[in-house]
Amino acid sequence: MKDLHRHNKRLQRVLRFNAADLDANRNGQFSRRQRGQIKRARLNELLIFILICLVFTAFVLFSLLRDFSWELLLASALMGVAGVVFGYEMTKRMRRFANDLDWGEVYQIEGTVKVEHLGGGSDDPDEFYLYVGGEKFKVSRRIYRAFKSKKGLRCRVFYTPNTRRVVAAEMIA
């Protein structure tokens, strides 16, 4: 029991939730604090998107102000295509964040903890996954490390339905 309490305190620190958040999540809802966290995450992604758009616009303006060259035209076209694809993906992601906020629901699942680390080679970025109750969640290195020592133990995970963001978790007996 003491280990369970210690594990749960660590999960609280790593996932940045408190007792009030957990109570709301057990009832299938966000707490007011968690709603603010998701709004801030959405705002951060929007700011990154705007910054990338500004860099793209500066590149295109620079190429137009310089003497014409086919290389700059081709580079601008490629940047344009990349910008459209990136913009589309960001719009989809922002819509999922908005849906999570609008629905206000938190899902939960129970099961045995399993973690997986993929990549890490010279060309592959690190990817970390948490598996609980047949569900798969892409998580940060920090969350992966918190669950790594809990492999094989039973856990309840609370997550958003659209972005599948883990918002809270608790080890269970």
N, C-alpha and C. Protein backbone atom coordinates (compact mmCIF):
# COMPACT_ATOMS: atom_id res chain seq x y z
N MET A 1 0.82 -1.20 0.00
CA MET A 1 0.00 0.00 0.00
C MET A 1 0.86 1.25 0.00
N LYS A 2 1.95 1.21 0.77
CA LYS A 2 2.85 2.35 0.84
C LYS A 2 3.49 2.60 -0.53
N ASP A 3 3.87 1.50 -1.24
CA ASP A 3 4.45 1.64 -2.58
C ASP A 3 3.44 2.24 -3.55
N LEU A 4 2.18 1.82 -3.42
CA LEU A 4 1.13 2.34 -4.29
C LEU A 4 1.00 3.85 -4.10
N HIS A 5 0.99 4.29 -2.87
CA HIS A 5 0.90 5.73 -2.56
C HIS A 5 2.11 6.48 -3.14
N ARG A 6 3.29 5.91 -2.99
CA ARG A 6 4.51 6.54 -3.51
C ARG A 6 4.47 6.62 -5.05
N HIS A 7 4.04 5.53 -5.69
CA HIS A 7 3.92 5.52 -7.16
C HIS A 7 2.93 6.60 -7.62
N ASN A 8 1.80 6.70 -6.92
CA ASN A 8 0.78 7.67 -7.32
C ASN A 8 1.26 9.11 -7.13
N LYS A 9 2.02 9.36 -6.08
CA LYS A 9 2.57 10.71 -5.88
C LYS A 9 3.52 11.07 -7.01
N ARG A 10 4.34 10.11 -7.44
CA ARG A 10 5.26 10.37 -8.55
C ARG A 10 4.50 10.64 -9.85
N LEU A 11 3.45 9.87 -10.10
CA LEU A 11 2.65 10.10 -11.30
C LEU A 11 2.00 11.48 -11.25
N GLN A 12 1.56 11.91 -10.07
CA GLN A 12 0.98 13.25 -9.92
C GLN A 12 1.99 14.33 -10.32
N ARG A 13 3.23 14.17 -9.87
CA ARG A 13 4.27 15.15 -10.20
C ARG A 13 4.57 15.16 -11.69
N VAL A 14 4.75 13.98 -12.26
CA VAL A 14 5.15 13.89 -13.67
C VAL A 14 4.04 14.35 -14.60
N LEU A 15 2.82 13.93 -14.33
CA LEU A 15 1.69 14.30 -15.20
C LEU A 15 1.07 15.65 -14.84
N ARG A 16 1.54 16.24 -13.74
CA ARG A 16 1.11 17.58 -13.31
C ARG A 16 -0.40 17.67 -13.08
N PHE A 17 -0.89 16.78 -12.22
CA PHE A 17 -2.29 16.87 -11.81
C PHE A 17 -2.35 16.81 -10.29
N ASN A 18 -3.49 17.22 -9.74
CA ASN A 18 -3.65 17.19 -8.29
C ASN A 18 -4.90 16.40 -7.93
N ALA A 19 -5.22 16.33 -6.65
CA ALA A 19 -6.34 15.53 -6.17
C ALA A 19 -7.67 16.00 -6.77
N ALA A 20 -7.85 17.31 -6.91
CA ALA A 20 -9.09 17.84 -7.49
C ALA A 20 -9.20 17.45 -8.97
N ASP A 21 -8.07 17.48 -9.68
CA ASP A 21 -8.06 17.05 -11.08
C ASP A 21 -8.49 15.59 -11.18
N LEU A 22 -7.90 14.76 -10.31
CA LEU A 22 -8.19 13.33 -10.33
C LEU A 22 -9.66 13.06 -10.02
N ASP A 23 -10.23 13.77 -9.06
CA ASP A 23 -11.65 13.61 -8.74
C ASP A 23 -12.52 13.94 -9.95
N ALA A 24 -12.22 15.05 -10.62
CA ALA A 24 -12.98 15.42 -11.81
C ALA A 24 -12.82 14.36 -12.90
N ASN A 25 -11.60 13.85 -13.08
CA ASN A 25 -11.34 12.84 -14.11
C ASN A 25 -12.09 11.54 -13.81
N ARG A 26 -12.15 11.16 -12.56
CA ARG A 26 -12.91 9.95 -12.18
C ARG A 26 -14.38 10.09 -12.54
N ASN A 27 -14.87 11.33 -12.57
CA ASN A 27 -16.25 11.60 -12.98
C ASN A 27 -16.37 11.85 -14.48
N GLY A 28 -15.29 11.63 -15.21
CA GLY A 28 -15.33 11.75 -16.67
C GLY A 28 -15.24 13.16 -17.19
N GLN A 29 -14.71 14.09 -16.38
CA GLN A 29 -14.64 15.50 -16.79
C GLN A 29 -13.25 16.07 -16.53
N PHE A 30 -12.99 17.21 -17.17
CA PHE A 30 -11.79 17.99 -16.87
C PHE A 30 -12.05 18.80 -15.61
N SER A 31 -10.99 19.07 -14.89
CA SER A 31 -11.08 20.09 -13.84
C SER A 31 -10.89 21.44 -14.54
N ARG A 32 -11.21 22.49 -13.84
CA ARG A 32 -11.00 23.85 -14.39
C ARG A 32 -9.51 24.07 -14.70
N ARG A 33 -8.65 23.58 -13.82
CA ARG A 33 -7.20 23.72 -14.00
C ARG A 33 -6.72 22.97 -15.25
N GLN A 34 -7.21 21.76 -15.46
CA GLN A 34 -6.81 20.99 -16.64
C GLN A 34 -7.30 21.64 -17.92
N ARG A 35 -8.49 22.21 -17.86
CA ARG A 35 -9.01 22.92 -19.05
C ARG A 35 -8.07 24.06 -19.41
N GLY A 36 -7.57 24.77 -18.41
CA GLY A 36 -6.60 25.85 -18.66
C GLY A 36 -5.30 25.33 -19.23
N GLN A 37 -4.83 24.17 -18.74
CA GLN A 37 -3.60 23.57 -19.27
C GLN A 37 -3.76 23.23 -20.75
N ILE A 38 -4.91 22.69 -21.12
CA ILE A 38 -5.13 22.32 -22.52
C ILE A 38 -5.25 23.57 -23.38
N LYS A 39 -5.88 24.61 -22.86
CA LYS A 39 -5.96 25.88 -23.61
C LYS A 39 -4.56 26.45 -23.85
N ARG A 40 -3.69 26.37 -22.83
CA ARG A 40 -2.32 26.86 -22.99
C ARG A 40 -1.54 26.02 -24.00
N ALA A 41 -1.72 24.72 -23.98
CA ALA A 41 -1.04 23.86 -24.95
C ALA A 41 -1.50 24.18 -26.36
N ARG A 42 -2.79 24.43 -26.51
CA ARG A 42 -3.34 24.80 -27.82
C ARG A 42 -2.77 26.15 -28.28
N LEU A 43 -2.66 27.09 -27.37
CA LEU A 43 -2.10 28.40 -27.69
C LEU A 43 -0.63 28.27 -28.10
N ASN A 44 0.13 27.45 -27.39
CA ASN A 44 1.55 27.23 -27.73
C ASN A 44 1.69 26.68 -29.14
N GLU A 45 0.85 25.72 -29.49
CA GLU A 45 0.93 25.16 -30.84
C GLU A 45 0.56 26.20 -31.88
N LEU A 46 -0.43 27.03 -31.58
CA LEU A 46 -0.82 28.10 -32.50
C LEU A 46 0.32 29.09 -32.69
N LEU A 47 1.01 29.44 -31.61
CA LEU A 47 2.14 30.37 -31.72
C LEU A 47 3.28 29.77 -32.55
N ILE A 48 3.54 28.49 -32.39
CA ILE A 48 4.57 27.83 -33.20
C ILE A 48 4.17 27.86 -34.67
N PHE A 49 2.91 27.60 -34.97
CA PHE A 49 2.42 27.64 -36.34
C PHE A 49 2.58 29.04 -36.94
N ILE A 50 2.23 30.06 -36.17
CA ILE A 50 2.36 31.44 -36.65
C ILE A 50 3.83 31.78 -36.91
N LEU A 51 4.72 31.36 -36.02
CA LEU A 51 6.15 31.60 -36.20
C LEU A 51 6.67 30.94 -37.49
N ILE A 52 6.27 29.72 -37.72
CA ILE A 52 6.71 29.04 -38.94
C ILE A 52 6.15 29.74 -40.18
N CYS A 53 4.91 30.20 -40.12
CA CYS A 53 4.33 30.96 -41.24
C CYS A 53 5.10 32.25 -41.49
N LEU A 54 5.52 32.92 -40.43
CA LEU A 54 6.29 34.15 -40.59
C LEU A 54 7.65 33.87 -41.24
N VAL A 55 8.30 32.78 -40.82
CA VAL A 55 9.58 32.41 -41.43
C VAL A 55 9.38 32.09 -42.91
N PHE A 56 8.34 31.35 -43.24
CA PHE A 56 8.04 31.03 -44.63
C PHE A 56 7.79 32.31 -45.43
N THR A 57 6.99 33.21 -44.89
CA THR A 57 6.69 34.47 -45.58
C THR A 57 7.95 35.29 -45.80
N ALA A 58 8.81 35.35 -44.79
CA ALA A 58 10.08 36.08 -44.95
C ALA A 58 10.93 35.46 -46.04
N PHE A 59 10.98 34.14 -46.11
CA PHE A 59 11.76 33.46 -47.15
C PHE A 59 11.22 33.80 -48.53
N VAL A 60 9.90 33.75 -48.70
CA VAL A 60 9.29 34.04 -50.00
C VAL A 60 9.55 35.50 -50.38
N LEU A 61 9.37 36.42 -49.44
CA LEU A 61 9.62 37.84 -49.73
C LEU A 61 11.07 38.08 -50.10
N PHE A 62 11.98 37.45 -49.39
CA PHE A 62 13.40 37.56 -49.70
C PHE A 62 13.68 37.08 -51.12
N SER A 63 13.08 35.95 -51.48
CA SER A 63 13.34 35.42 -52.83
C SER A 63 12.72 36.30 -53.90
N LEU A 64 11.61 36.97 -53.60
CA LEU A 64 10.98 37.84 -54.59
C LEU A 64 11.73 39.16 -54.74
N LEU A 65 12.34 39.64 -53.65
CA LEU A 65 13.05 40.91 -53.69
C LEU A 65 14.43 40.78 -54.36
N ARG A 66 14.97 39.60 -54.36
CA ARG A 66 16.26 39.35 -55.01
C ARG A 66 16.05 39.21 -56.51
N ASP A 67 17.13 39.14 -57.22
CA ASP A 67 17.01 38.87 -58.66
C ASP A 67 16.37 37.51 -58.86
N PHE A 68 15.61 37.41 -59.94
CA PHE A 68 14.91 36.16 -60.23
C PHE A 68 15.91 35.05 -60.51
N SER A 69 15.64 33.87 -59.93
CA SER A 69 16.41 32.68 -60.28
C SER A 69 15.49 31.47 -60.14
N TRP A 70 15.72 30.49 -60.97
CA TRP A 70 14.90 29.27 -60.94
C TRP A 70 15.09 28.51 -59.63
N GLU A 71 16.28 28.59 -59.07
CA GLU A 71 16.53 27.89 -57.81
C GLU A 71 15.67 28.46 -56.68
N LEU A 72 15.61 29.80 -56.61
CA LEU A 72 14.78 30.42 -55.57
C LEU A 72 13.31 30.16 -55.82
N LEU A 73 12.90 30.15 -57.08
CA LEU A 73 11.51 29.86 -57.41
C LEU A 73 11.14 28.44 -56.99
N LEU A 74 12.03 27.49 -57.28
CA LEU A 74 11.80 26.10 -56.90
C LEU A 74 11.78 25.96 -55.37
N ALA A 75 12.73 26.61 -54.70
CA ALA A 75 12.77 26.54 -53.24
C ALA A 75 11.50 27.15 -52.64
N SER A 76 11.02 28.25 -53.21
CA SER A 76 9.79 28.88 -52.73
C SER A 76 8.59 27.96 -52.94
N ALA A 77 8.55 27.30 -54.09
CA ALA A 77 7.45 26.38 -54.37
C ALA A 77 7.46 25.21 -53.39
N LEU A 78 8.64 24.67 -53.12
CA LEU A 78 8.74 23.56 -52.17
C LEU A 78 8.35 24.01 -50.77
N MET A 79 8.79 25.20 -50.39
CA MET A 79 8.40 25.74 -49.08
C MET A 79 6.88 25.93 -49.02
N GLY A 80 6.29 26.37 -50.14
CA GLY A 80 4.85 26.55 -50.19
C GLY A 80 4.10 25.25 -49.99
N VAL A 81 4.55 24.20 -50.67
CA VAL A 81 3.91 22.89 -50.52
C VAL A 81 4.07 22.39 -49.07
N ALA A 82 5.29 22.51 -48.54
CA ALA A 82 5.53 22.09 -47.16
C ALA A 82 4.66 22.90 -46.19
N GLY A 83 4.52 24.19 -46.45
CA GLY A 83 3.68 25.04 -45.60
C GLY A 83 2.22 24.64 -45.63
N VAL A 84 1.73 24.28 -46.81
CA VAL A 84 0.33 23.85 -46.93
C VAL A 84 0.11 22.54 -46.16
N VAL A 85 1.03 21.59 -46.33
CA VAL A 85 0.91 20.30 -45.63
C VAL A 85 0.99 20.52 -44.12
N PHE A 86 1.97 21.32 -43.70
CA PHE A 86 2.13 21.60 -42.27
C PHE A 86 0.89 22.32 -41.73
N GLY A 87 0.39 23.28 -42.47
CA GLY A 87 -0.81 24.02 -42.06
C GLY A 87 -2.02 23.12 -41.93
N TYR A 88 -2.16 22.19 -42.86
CA TYR A 88 -3.27 21.24 -42.80
C TYR A 88 -3.18 20.37 -41.55
N GLU A 89 -1.99 19.84 -41.28
CA GLU A 89 -1.79 19.00 -40.10
C GLU A 89 -2.01 19.79 -38.80
N MET A 90 -1.53 21.02 -38.76
CA MET A 90 -1.73 21.85 -37.57
C MET A 90 -3.22 22.16 -37.37
N THR A 91 -3.93 22.41 -38.47
CA THR A 91 -5.36 22.69 -38.38
C THR A 91 -6.11 21.48 -37.83
N LYS A 92 -5.75 20.30 -38.29
CA LYS A 92 -6.38 19.08 -37.77
C LYS A 92 -6.11 18.93 -36.28
N ARG A 93 -4.86 19.16 -35.90
CA ARG A 93 -4.48 19.02 -34.48
C ARG A 93 -5.21 20.06 -33.62
N MET A 94 -5.28 21.28 -34.11
CA MET A 94 -5.98 22.34 -33.36
C MET A 94 -7.47 22.00 -33.23
N ARG A 95 -8.05 21.41 -34.26
CA ARG A 95 -9.45 21.03 -34.21
C ARG A 95 -9.67 19.94 -33.15
N ARG A 96 -8.72 19.00 -33.05
CA ARG A 96 -8.83 17.95 -32.03
C ARG A 96 -8.74 18.56 -30.62
N PHE A 97 -7.83 19.52 -30.43
CA PHE A 97 -7.74 20.23 -29.15
C PHE A 97 -9.07 20.91 -28.84
N ALA A 98 -9.63 21.60 -29.85
CA ALA A 98 -10.90 22.31 -29.65
C ALA A 98 -12.02 21.33 -29.31
N ASN A 99 -12.05 20.18 -29.98
CA ASN A 99 -13.07 19.18 -29.67
C ASN A 99 -12.94 18.67 -28.24
N ASP A 100 -11.70 18.43 -27.80
CA ASP A 100 -11.50 18.00 -26.41
C ASP A 100 -12.07 19.02 -25.44
N LEU A 101 -11.81 20.29 -25.71
CA LEU A 101 -12.31 21.35 -24.83
C LEU A 101 -13.83 21.46 -24.89
N ASP A 102 -14.38 21.38 -26.10
CA ASP A 102 -15.83 21.51 -26.26
C ASP A 102 -16.57 20.35 -25.61
N TRP A 103 -16.07 19.13 -25.81
CA TRP A 103 -16.75 17.97 -25.24
C TRP A 103 -16.58 17.94 -23.73
N GLY A 104 -15.40 18.35 -23.26
CA GLY A 104 -15.14 18.38 -21.82
C GLY A 104 -15.09 17.01 -21.17
N GLU A 105 -14.93 15.96 -21.98
CA GLU A 105 -14.92 14.60 -21.44
C GLU A 105 -13.51 14.08 -21.23
N VAL A 106 -13.37 13.26 -20.23
CA VAL A 106 -12.12 12.55 -19.98
C VAL A 106 -12.47 11.06 -19.96
N TYR A 107 -11.78 10.29 -20.77
CA TYR A 107 -11.99 8.84 -20.79
C TYR A 107 -11.02 8.20 -19.81
N GLN A 108 -11.36 6.99 -19.41
CA GLN A 108 -10.45 6.26 -18.54
C GLN A 108 -10.39 4.80 -18.95
N ILE A 109 -9.25 4.21 -18.69
CA ILE A 109 -9.05 2.79 -18.99
C ILE A 109 -8.16 2.19 -17.92
N GLU A 110 -8.40 0.94 -17.61
CA GLU A 110 -7.60 0.24 -16.62
C GLU A 110 -6.91 -0.94 -17.27
N GLY A 111 -5.76 -1.28 -16.75
CA GLY A 111 -5.07 -2.45 -17.25
C GLY A 111 -3.64 -2.51 -16.75
N THR A 112 -2.92 -3.47 -17.28
CA THR A 112 -1.53 -3.67 -16.91
C THR A 112 -0.66 -2.71 -17.71
N VAL A 113 0.32 -2.12 -17.06
CA VAL A 113 1.21 -1.13 -17.68
C VAL A 113 2.26 -1.84 -18.54
N LYS A 114 2.42 -1.32 -19.75
CA LYS A 114 3.52 -1.73 -20.63
C LYS A 114 4.03 -0.46 -21.30
N VAL A 115 5.33 -0.33 -21.43
CA VAL A 115 5.91 0.83 -22.11
C VAL A 115 6.81 0.36 -23.24
N GLU A 116 7.03 1.26 -24.20
CA GLU A 116 7.87 0.92 -25.35
C GLU A 116 8.64 2.17 -25.79
N HIS A 117 9.90 1.98 -26.10
CA HIS A 117 10.76 3.04 -26.61
C HIS A 117 11.21 2.63 -28.00
N LEU A 118 10.86 3.44 -28.99
CA LEU A 118 11.26 3.18 -30.37
C LEU A 118 12.21 4.26 -30.85
N GLY A 119 13.03 3.91 -31.80
CA GLY A 119 13.96 4.89 -32.38
C GLY A 119 15.21 5.02 -31.56
N GLY A 120 15.73 6.20 -31.57
CA GLY A 120 16.95 6.45 -30.82
C GLY A 120 18.20 6.24 -31.64
N GLY A 121 18.03 5.80 -32.90
CA GLY A 121 19.18 5.66 -33.78
C GLY A 121 19.59 7.02 -34.31
N SER A 122 20.59 7.02 -35.15
CA SER A 122 21.09 8.30 -35.67
C SER A 122 20.07 9.02 -36.54
N ASP A 123 19.22 8.26 -37.24
CA ASP A 123 18.23 8.88 -38.13
C ASP A 123 16.82 8.89 -37.56
N ASP A 124 16.59 8.10 -36.53
CA ASP A 124 15.25 7.96 -35.98
C ASP A 124 15.08 8.79 -34.72
N PRO A 125 14.01 9.59 -34.66
CA PRO A 125 13.75 10.30 -33.41
C PRO A 125 13.21 9.31 -32.37
N ASP A 126 13.43 9.62 -31.11
CA ASP A 126 12.90 8.79 -30.04
C ASP A 126 11.38 8.93 -29.99
N GLU A 127 10.70 7.80 -29.84
CA GLU A 127 9.26 7.80 -29.63
C GLU A 127 8.98 6.90 -28.43
N PHE A 128 8.07 7.35 -27.58
CA PHE A 128 7.76 6.62 -26.36
C PHE A 128 6.27 6.33 -26.32
N TYR A 129 5.93 5.10 -25.94
CA TYR A 129 4.54 4.68 -25.90
C TYR A 129 4.21 4.03 -24.57
N LEU A 130 2.97 4.27 -24.14
CA LEU A 130 2.41 3.66 -22.94
C LEU A 130 1.22 2.83 -23.40
N TYR A 131 1.16 1.59 -22.96
CA TYR A 131 0.04 0.70 -23.26
C TYR A 131 -0.66 0.36 -21.95
N VAL A 132 -1.97 0.55 -21.93
CA VAL A 132 -2.78 0.19 -20.76
C VAL A 132 -4.13 -0.29 -21.27
N GLY A 133 -4.53 -1.48 -20.84
CA GLY A 133 -5.86 -1.99 -21.20
C GLY A 133 -6.14 -2.04 -22.68
N GLY A 134 -5.15 -2.36 -23.48
CA GLY A 134 -5.35 -2.45 -24.92
C GLY A 134 -5.28 -1.12 -25.66
N GLU A 135 -5.08 -0.03 -24.95
CA GLU A 135 -4.95 1.29 -25.57
C GLU A 135 -3.48 1.68 -25.64
N LYS A 136 -3.14 2.45 -26.67
CA LYS A 136 -1.77 2.90 -26.89
C LYS A 136 -1.75 4.42 -26.85
N PHE A 137 -0.80 4.98 -26.09
CA PHE A 137 -0.67 6.43 -25.97
C PHE A 137 0.75 6.82 -26.30
N LYS A 138 0.93 7.80 -27.17
CA LYS A 138 2.26 8.36 -27.40
C LYS A 138 2.51 9.34 -26.26
N VAL A 139 3.65 9.18 -25.59
CA VAL A 139 3.94 10.01 -24.41
C VAL A 139 5.34 10.60 -24.51
N SER A 140 5.63 11.52 -23.63
CA SER A 140 6.95 12.15 -23.58
C SER A 140 7.93 11.19 -22.89
N ARG A 141 9.20 11.50 -23.02
CA ARG A 141 10.25 10.72 -22.36
C ARG A 141 10.02 10.72 -20.84
N ARG A 142 9.62 11.85 -20.32
CA ARG A 142 9.40 12.00 -18.88
C ARG A 142 8.28 11.08 -18.39
N ILE A 143 7.19 11.02 -19.12
CA ILE A 143 6.08 10.15 -18.75
C ILE A 143 6.48 8.68 -18.91
N TYR A 144 7.19 8.39 -20.00
CA TYR A 144 7.70 7.04 -20.22
C TYR A 144 8.53 6.57 -19.03
N ARG A 145 9.43 7.42 -18.57
CA ARG A 145 10.29 7.05 -17.43
C ARG A 145 9.48 6.81 -16.16
N ALA A 146 8.43 7.61 -15.97
CA ALA A 146 7.60 7.44 -14.77
C ALA A 146 6.89 6.09 -14.76
N PHE A 147 6.50 5.63 -15.94
CA PHE A 147 5.78 4.35 -16.03
C PHE A 147 6.71 3.15 -16.21
N LYS A 148 7.94 3.40 -16.62
CA LYS A 148 8.87 2.30 -16.90
C LYS A 148 9.07 1.40 -15.69
N SER A 149 9.18 1.99 -14.52
CA SER A 149 9.39 1.21 -13.30
C SER A 149 8.11 0.51 -12.84
N LYS A 150 7.00 0.78 -13.50
CA LYS A 150 5.71 0.22 -13.10
C LYS A 150 5.22 -0.86 -14.06
N LYS A 151 6.10 -1.29 -14.99
CA LYS A 151 5.72 -2.33 -15.94
C LYS A 151 5.15 -3.54 -15.20
N GLY A 152 4.02 -4.03 -15.70
CA GLY A 152 3.40 -5.20 -15.11
C GLY A 152 2.42 -4.89 -13.98
N LEU A 153 2.45 -3.67 -13.46
CA LEU A 153 1.51 -3.28 -12.40
C LEU A 153 0.20 -2.82 -13.05
N ARG A 154 -0.87 -2.79 -12.27
CA ARG A 154 -2.17 -2.32 -12.78
C ARG A 154 -2.30 -0.82 -12.59
N CYS A 155 -2.93 -0.20 -13.57
CA CYS A 155 -3.01 1.26 -13.58
C CYS A 155 -4.34 1.68 -14.19
N ARG A 156 -4.80 2.86 -13.80
CA ARG A 156 -5.96 3.50 -14.43
C ARG A 156 -5.44 4.79 -15.05
N VAL A 157 -5.68 4.95 -16.34
CA VAL A 157 -5.21 6.13 -17.08
C VAL A 157 -6.41 6.95 -17.51
N PHE A 158 -6.31 8.26 -17.32
CA PHE A 158 -7.35 9.21 -17.74
C PHE A 158 -6.79 10.00 -18.91
N TYR A 159 -7.57 10.10 -20.00
CA TYR A 159 -7.04 10.73 -21.21
C TYR A 159 -8.13 11.45 -21.99
N THR A 160 -7.70 12.36 -22.85
CA THR A 160 -8.64 13.10 -23.69
C THR A 160 -8.99 12.25 -24.91
N PRO A 161 -10.25 12.30 -25.35
CA PRO A 161 -10.67 11.41 -26.43
C PRO A 161 -10.10 11.74 -27.81
N ASN A 162 -9.85 12.98 -28.11
CA ASN A 162 -9.42 13.35 -29.46
C ASN A 162 -7.91 13.41 -29.62
N THR A 163 -7.25 14.09 -28.71
CA THR A 163 -5.79 14.20 -28.80
C THR A 163 -5.10 13.03 -28.09
N ARG A 164 -5.87 12.26 -27.34
CA ARG A 164 -5.36 11.10 -26.60
C ARG A 164 -4.21 11.48 -25.68
N ARG A 165 -4.37 12.62 -25.07
CA ARG A 165 -3.38 13.15 -24.13
C ARG A 165 -3.67 12.58 -22.75
N VAL A 166 -2.67 11.98 -22.12
CA VAL A 166 -2.83 11.44 -20.77
C VAL A 166 -2.83 12.62 -19.80
N VAL A 167 -3.94 12.78 -19.07
CA VAL A 167 -4.06 13.92 -18.16
C VAL A 167 -3.88 13.53 -16.69
N ALA A 168 -4.06 12.25 -16.39
CA ALA A 168 -3.88 11.77 -15.02
C ALA A 168 -3.76 10.25 -15.05
N ALA A 169 -3.24 9.69 -13.98
CA ALA A 169 -3.14 8.24 -13.87
C ALA A 169 -3.00 7.88 -12.40
N GLU A 170 -3.41 6.67 -12.08
CA GLU A 170 -3.23 6.18 -10.73
C GLU A 170 -2.98 4.68 -10.77
N MET A 171 -2.06 4.25 -9.95
CA MET A 171 -1.80 2.82 -9.81
C MET A 171 -2.90 2.25 -8.94
N ILE A 172 -3.36 1.05 -9.30
CA ILE A 172 -4.45 0.43 -8.55
C ILE A 172 -4.02 -0.98 -8.11
N ALA A 173 -4.66 -1.46 -7.06
CA ALA A 173 -4.31 -2.78 -6.51
C ALA A 173 -4.93 -3.89 -7.34
